[in-house]
Amino acid sequence: MSSSVNVVIPTKSNFTGLAELIGDLSLDPAVGTICIVADGQTAFNALPEPSDGIIKVVVPEGVGIHKMWNLGIETVGRESHIAFINDDVRLEQHCLSSLSDS
């Protein structure tokens, strides 16, 4: 049985890709919390209101991907299983379930 996997998604302006990725993740029962980390206030403001299981946070624009990852880690829980996925990636159904099982 799969363990719960939290997901951190850094994003700047690829909102279509982000929506598709969230759609993919919503089909996977292993996915726990999804944390969208916006690069700057403009990106944050363009994000839709989060639904159940989705958190959105913001870093100052241009601070770097490592700061985005670190905020995501702190948001979903440092001790949890975390997948970092770019907003231009598509996943097969149950991708994180399969990874978690292995």
N, C-alpha and C. Protein backbone atom coordinates (compact mmCIF):
# COMPACT_ATOMS: atom_id res chain seq x y z
N MET A 1 0.84 -1.18 0.00
CA MET A 1 0.00 0.00 0.00
C MET A 1 0.88 1.24 0.00
N SER A 2 0.47 2.25 -0.70
CA SER A 2 1.26 3.47 -0.86
C SER A 2 1.24 4.32 0.40
N SER A 3 2.38 4.97 0.65
CA SER A 3 2.45 5.98 1.70
C SER A 3 2.00 7.30 1.11
N SER A 4 1.53 8.20 1.95
CA SER A 4 1.13 9.51 1.48
C SER A 4 2.38 10.31 1.06
N VAL A 5 2.28 10.94 -0.09
CA VAL A 5 3.37 11.75 -0.63
C VAL A 5 2.86 13.18 -0.80
N ASN A 6 3.52 14.12 -0.14
CA ASN A 6 3.19 15.52 -0.34
C ASN A 6 3.95 16.03 -1.55
N VAL A 7 3.40 17.02 -2.23
CA VAL A 7 3.97 17.51 -3.48
C VAL A 7 4.24 19.00 -3.37
N VAL A 8 5.43 19.41 -3.81
CA VAL A 8 5.80 20.83 -3.89
C VAL A 8 5.96 21.17 -5.37
N ILE A 9 5.23 22.19 -5.81
CA ILE A 9 5.28 22.63 -7.20
C ILE A 9 5.67 24.10 -7.25
N PRO A 10 6.90 24.40 -7.67
CA PRO A 10 7.26 25.81 -7.88
C PRO A 10 6.62 26.30 -9.19
N THR A 11 6.13 27.53 -9.19
CA THR A 11 5.52 28.05 -10.41
C THR A 11 5.76 29.55 -10.54
N LYS A 12 5.83 29.97 -11.79
CA LYS A 12 6.03 31.40 -12.08
C LYS A 12 4.93 31.93 -12.98
N SER A 13 4.70 31.25 -14.11
CA SER A 13 3.69 31.75 -15.04
C SER A 13 3.02 30.66 -15.88
N ASN A 14 3.40 29.42 -15.69
CA ASN A 14 2.82 28.32 -16.48
C ASN A 14 1.56 27.79 -15.80
N PHE A 15 0.53 28.61 -15.79
CA PHE A 15 -0.69 28.24 -15.06
C PHE A 15 -1.47 27.13 -15.75
N THR A 16 -1.38 27.04 -17.07
CA THR A 16 -2.03 25.94 -17.79
C THR A 16 -1.36 24.63 -17.42
N GLY A 17 -0.03 24.60 -17.45
CA GLY A 17 0.69 23.40 -17.07
C GLY A 17 0.44 23.02 -15.63
N LEU A 18 0.37 24.01 -14.77
CA LEU A 18 0.08 23.78 -13.35
C LEU A 18 -1.28 23.12 -13.19
N ALA A 19 -2.29 23.63 -13.88
CA ALA A 19 -3.64 23.07 -13.78
C ALA A 19 -3.65 21.62 -14.27
N GLU A 20 -2.94 21.34 -15.36
CA GLU A 20 -2.89 19.97 -15.88
C GLU A 20 -2.19 19.05 -14.89
N LEU A 21 -1.09 19.50 -14.31
CA LEU A 21 -0.38 18.70 -13.32
C LEU A 21 -1.24 18.42 -12.10
N ILE A 22 -1.93 19.42 -11.60
CA ILE A 22 -2.82 19.22 -10.45
C ILE A 22 -3.92 18.23 -10.81
N GLY A 23 -4.42 18.31 -12.04
CA GLY A 23 -5.41 17.32 -12.49
C GLY A 23 -4.85 15.91 -12.45
N ASP A 24 -3.61 15.74 -12.91
CA ASP A 24 -2.95 14.43 -12.87
C ASP A 24 -2.80 13.96 -11.42
N LEU A 25 -2.34 14.85 -10.56
CA LEU A 25 -2.11 14.49 -9.16
C LEU A 25 -3.40 14.13 -8.44
N SER A 26 -4.50 14.78 -8.82
CA SER A 26 -5.77 14.54 -8.14
C SER A 26 -6.28 13.12 -8.37
N LEU A 27 -5.77 12.44 -9.38
CA LEU A 27 -6.20 11.07 -9.67
C LEU A 27 -5.40 10.03 -8.90
N ASP A 28 -4.36 10.46 -8.19
CA ASP A 28 -3.46 9.53 -7.52
C ASP A 28 -3.78 9.48 -6.03
N PRO A 29 -4.19 8.32 -5.53
CA PRO A 29 -4.56 8.23 -4.12
C PRO A 29 -3.40 8.41 -3.14
N ALA A 30 -2.16 8.33 -3.62
CA ALA A 30 -1.01 8.49 -2.73
C ALA A 30 -0.70 9.94 -2.42
N VAL A 31 -1.28 10.86 -3.19
CA VAL A 31 -0.96 12.28 -3.01
C VAL A 31 -1.64 12.82 -1.77
N GLY A 32 -0.83 13.44 -0.91
CA GLY A 32 -1.35 14.09 0.29
C GLY A 32 -1.60 15.56 0.00
N THR A 33 -0.83 16.41 0.62
CA THR A 33 -0.95 17.85 0.44
C THR A 33 -0.16 18.29 -0.78
N ILE A 34 -0.73 19.20 -1.55
CA ILE A 34 -0.04 19.83 -2.67
C ILE A 34 0.25 21.26 -2.28
N CYS A 35 1.52 21.64 -2.33
CA CYS A 35 1.93 23.01 -2.02
C CYS A 35 2.42 23.68 -3.30
N ILE A 36 1.73 24.71 -3.72
CA ILE A 36 2.14 25.50 -4.87
C ILE A 36 2.92 26.69 -4.35
N VAL A 37 4.17 26.82 -4.80
CA VAL A 37 5.03 27.90 -4.36
C VAL A 37 5.16 28.90 -5.51
N ALA A 38 4.56 30.06 -5.35
CA ALA A 38 4.56 31.09 -6.39
C ALA A 38 5.82 31.94 -6.30
N ASP A 39 6.41 32.20 -7.46
CA ASP A 39 7.58 33.07 -7.55
C ASP A 39 7.11 34.52 -7.70
N GLY A 40 6.88 35.16 -6.58
CA GLY A 40 6.46 36.56 -6.59
C GLY A 40 4.97 36.74 -6.39
N GLN A 41 4.62 37.94 -5.98
CA GLN A 41 3.22 38.26 -5.68
C GLN A 41 2.33 38.22 -6.92
N THR A 42 2.85 38.60 -8.08
CA THR A 42 2.05 38.57 -9.31
C THR A 42 1.63 37.15 -9.63
N ALA A 43 2.56 36.21 -9.53
CA ALA A 43 2.23 34.80 -9.77
C ALA A 43 1.24 34.30 -8.72
N PHE A 44 1.46 34.66 -7.47
CA PHE A 44 0.58 34.25 -6.39
C PHE A 44 -0.85 34.74 -6.64
N ASN A 45 -0.98 36.00 -7.03
CA ASN A 45 -2.30 36.59 -7.28
C ASN A 45 -3.02 35.93 -8.45
N ALA A 46 -2.27 35.38 -9.40
CA ALA A 46 -2.86 34.74 -10.58
C ALA A 46 -3.33 33.31 -10.30
N LEU A 47 -2.90 32.74 -9.18
CA LEU A 47 -3.31 31.38 -8.84
C LEU A 47 -4.77 31.36 -8.40
N PRO A 48 -5.49 30.29 -8.75
CA PRO A 48 -6.87 30.18 -8.26
C PRO A 48 -6.86 29.94 -6.75
N GLU A 49 -7.98 30.18 -6.13
CA GLU A 49 -8.10 29.90 -4.70
C GLU A 49 -7.87 28.41 -4.50
N PRO A 50 -7.10 28.05 -3.49
CA PRO A 50 -6.81 26.62 -3.28
C PRO A 50 -8.05 25.85 -2.84
N SER A 51 -8.09 24.58 -3.23
CA SER A 51 -9.18 23.70 -2.80
C SER A 51 -8.63 22.75 -1.74
N ASP A 52 -9.42 21.81 -1.33
CA ASP A 52 -9.00 20.85 -0.30
C ASP A 52 -7.69 20.18 -0.69
N GLY A 53 -6.76 20.15 0.24
CA GLY A 53 -5.50 19.47 0.00
C GLY A 53 -4.47 20.28 -0.75
N ILE A 54 -4.81 21.52 -1.10
CA ILE A 54 -3.88 22.38 -1.84
C ILE A 54 -3.61 23.64 -1.04
N ILE A 55 -2.34 23.96 -0.89
CA ILE A 55 -1.90 25.16 -0.19
C ILE A 55 -1.11 25.99 -1.18
N LYS A 56 -1.29 27.31 -1.15
CA LYS A 56 -0.45 28.16 -1.99
C LYS A 56 0.31 29.13 -1.10
N VAL A 57 1.60 29.28 -1.41
CA VAL A 57 2.48 30.17 -0.66
C VAL A 57 3.29 30.97 -1.68
N VAL A 58 3.99 32.00 -1.19
CA VAL A 58 4.72 32.87 -2.11
C VAL A 58 6.11 33.18 -1.54
N VAL A 59 7.07 33.29 -2.46
CA VAL A 59 8.41 33.78 -2.13
C VAL A 59 8.62 35.08 -2.89
N PRO A 60 9.54 35.92 -2.44
CA PRO A 60 9.85 37.13 -3.21
C PRO A 60 10.32 36.75 -4.62
N GLU A 61 9.84 37.47 -5.60
CA GLU A 61 10.16 37.15 -6.99
C GLU A 61 11.67 37.09 -7.21
N GLY A 62 12.09 36.01 -7.87
CA GLY A 62 13.48 35.87 -8.27
C GLY A 62 14.45 35.41 -7.20
N VAL A 63 13.98 34.97 -6.03
CA VAL A 63 14.92 34.56 -4.97
C VAL A 63 15.61 33.24 -5.27
N GLY A 64 15.10 32.48 -6.20
CA GLY A 64 15.74 31.23 -6.58
C GLY A 64 14.92 30.00 -6.23
N ILE A 65 15.15 28.97 -7.02
CA ILE A 65 14.38 27.73 -6.86
C ILE A 65 14.64 27.08 -5.50
N HIS A 66 15.86 27.19 -5.00
CA HIS A 66 16.17 26.57 -3.70
C HIS A 66 15.32 27.17 -2.58
N LYS A 67 15.06 28.47 -2.65
CA LYS A 67 14.19 29.10 -1.64
C LYS A 67 12.75 28.62 -1.79
N MET A 68 12.33 28.39 -3.04
CA MET A 68 10.99 27.88 -3.29
C MET A 68 10.86 26.46 -2.73
N TRP A 69 11.85 25.61 -3.00
CA TRP A 69 11.83 24.25 -2.46
C TRP A 69 11.81 24.27 -0.94
N ASN A 70 12.66 25.10 -0.34
CA ASN A 70 12.75 25.14 1.12
C ASN A 70 11.44 25.58 1.76
N LEU A 71 10.78 26.59 1.19
CA LEU A 71 9.48 27.00 1.73
C LEU A 71 8.46 25.88 1.58
N GLY A 72 8.50 25.18 0.44
CA GLY A 72 7.61 24.04 0.24
C GLY A 72 7.84 22.95 1.26
N ILE A 73 9.10 22.65 1.54
CA ILE A 73 9.44 21.64 2.55
C ILE A 73 8.87 22.02 3.90
N GLU A 74 9.06 23.27 4.29
CA GLU A 74 8.56 23.72 5.59
C GLU A 74 7.03 23.70 5.63
N THR A 75 6.40 23.99 4.51
CA THR A 75 4.94 24.05 4.46
C THR A 75 4.30 22.67 4.58
N VAL A 76 4.84 21.67 3.87
CA VAL A 76 4.22 20.34 3.89
C VAL A 76 4.75 19.45 5.01
N GLY A 77 5.85 19.85 5.61
CA GLY A 77 6.40 19.06 6.72
C GLY A 77 7.71 18.38 6.35
N ARG A 78 8.74 18.84 6.96
CA ARG A 78 10.10 18.35 6.66
C ARG A 78 10.22 16.83 6.79
N GLU A 79 9.48 16.23 7.71
CA GLU A 79 9.60 14.79 7.96
C GLU A 79 8.71 13.95 7.06
N SER A 80 7.96 14.57 6.17
CA SER A 80 7.05 13.82 5.30
C SER A 80 7.78 13.36 4.03
N HIS A 81 7.13 12.48 3.29
CA HIS A 81 7.62 12.12 1.96
C HIS A 81 7.22 13.25 1.03
N ILE A 82 8.19 13.78 0.26
CA ILE A 82 7.92 14.94 -0.58
C ILE A 82 8.40 14.68 -2.00
N ALA A 83 7.56 15.01 -2.96
CA ALA A 83 7.94 14.98 -4.38
C ALA A 83 7.98 16.43 -4.86
N PHE A 84 9.07 16.80 -5.50
CA PHE A 84 9.21 18.12 -6.11
C PHE A 84 8.95 17.95 -7.60
N ILE A 85 7.93 18.64 -8.11
CA ILE A 85 7.53 18.45 -9.50
C ILE A 85 7.36 19.81 -10.15
N ASN A 86 7.99 20.00 -11.30
CA ASN A 86 7.86 21.25 -12.05
C ASN A 86 6.48 21.35 -12.69
N ASP A 87 6.04 22.58 -12.91
CA ASP A 87 4.70 22.81 -13.46
C ASP A 87 4.60 22.51 -14.97
N ASP A 88 5.67 22.03 -15.59
CA ASP A 88 5.62 21.67 -17.01
C ASP A 88 5.68 20.15 -17.21
N VAL A 89 5.40 19.40 -16.13
CA VAL A 89 5.46 17.94 -16.16
C VAL A 89 4.05 17.38 -16.14
N ARG A 90 3.85 16.31 -16.90
CA ARG A 90 2.60 15.55 -16.83
C ARG A 90 2.92 14.18 -16.25
N LEU A 91 2.01 13.61 -15.48
CA LEU A 91 2.22 12.32 -14.83
C LEU A 91 1.17 11.31 -15.27
N GLU A 92 1.60 10.07 -15.37
CA GLU A 92 0.66 8.99 -15.62
C GLU A 92 -0.16 8.75 -14.36
N GLN A 93 -1.32 8.14 -14.54
CA GLN A 93 -2.18 7.84 -13.41
C GLN A 93 -1.43 6.99 -12.39
N HIS A 94 -1.51 7.33 -11.15
CA HIS A 94 -0.90 6.60 -10.04
C HIS A 94 0.62 6.60 -10.07
N CYS A 95 1.22 7.60 -10.68
CA CYS A 95 2.68 7.70 -10.75
C CYS A 95 3.30 7.75 -9.36
N LEU A 96 2.81 8.63 -8.51
CA LEU A 96 3.38 8.74 -7.17
C LEU A 96 3.05 7.51 -6.31
N SER A 97 1.93 6.86 -6.56
CA SER A 97 1.63 5.61 -5.86
C SER A 97 2.69 4.57 -6.19
N SER A 98 3.03 4.46 -7.47
CA SER A 98 4.05 3.49 -7.89
C SER A 98 5.40 3.82 -7.30
N LEU A 99 5.77 5.08 -7.33
CA LEU A 99 7.06 5.48 -6.74
C LEU A 99 7.07 5.21 -5.25
N SER A 100 5.99 5.51 -4.58
CA SER A 100 5.91 5.31 -3.14
C SER A 100 6.01 3.82 -2.79
N ASP A 101 5.39 2.99 -3.58
CA ASP A 101 5.44 1.55 -3.33
C ASP A 101 6.85 1.00 -3.48
N SER A 102 7.62 1.59 -4.40
CA SER A 102 8.97 1.08 -4.60
C SER A 102 9.93 1.71 -3.63
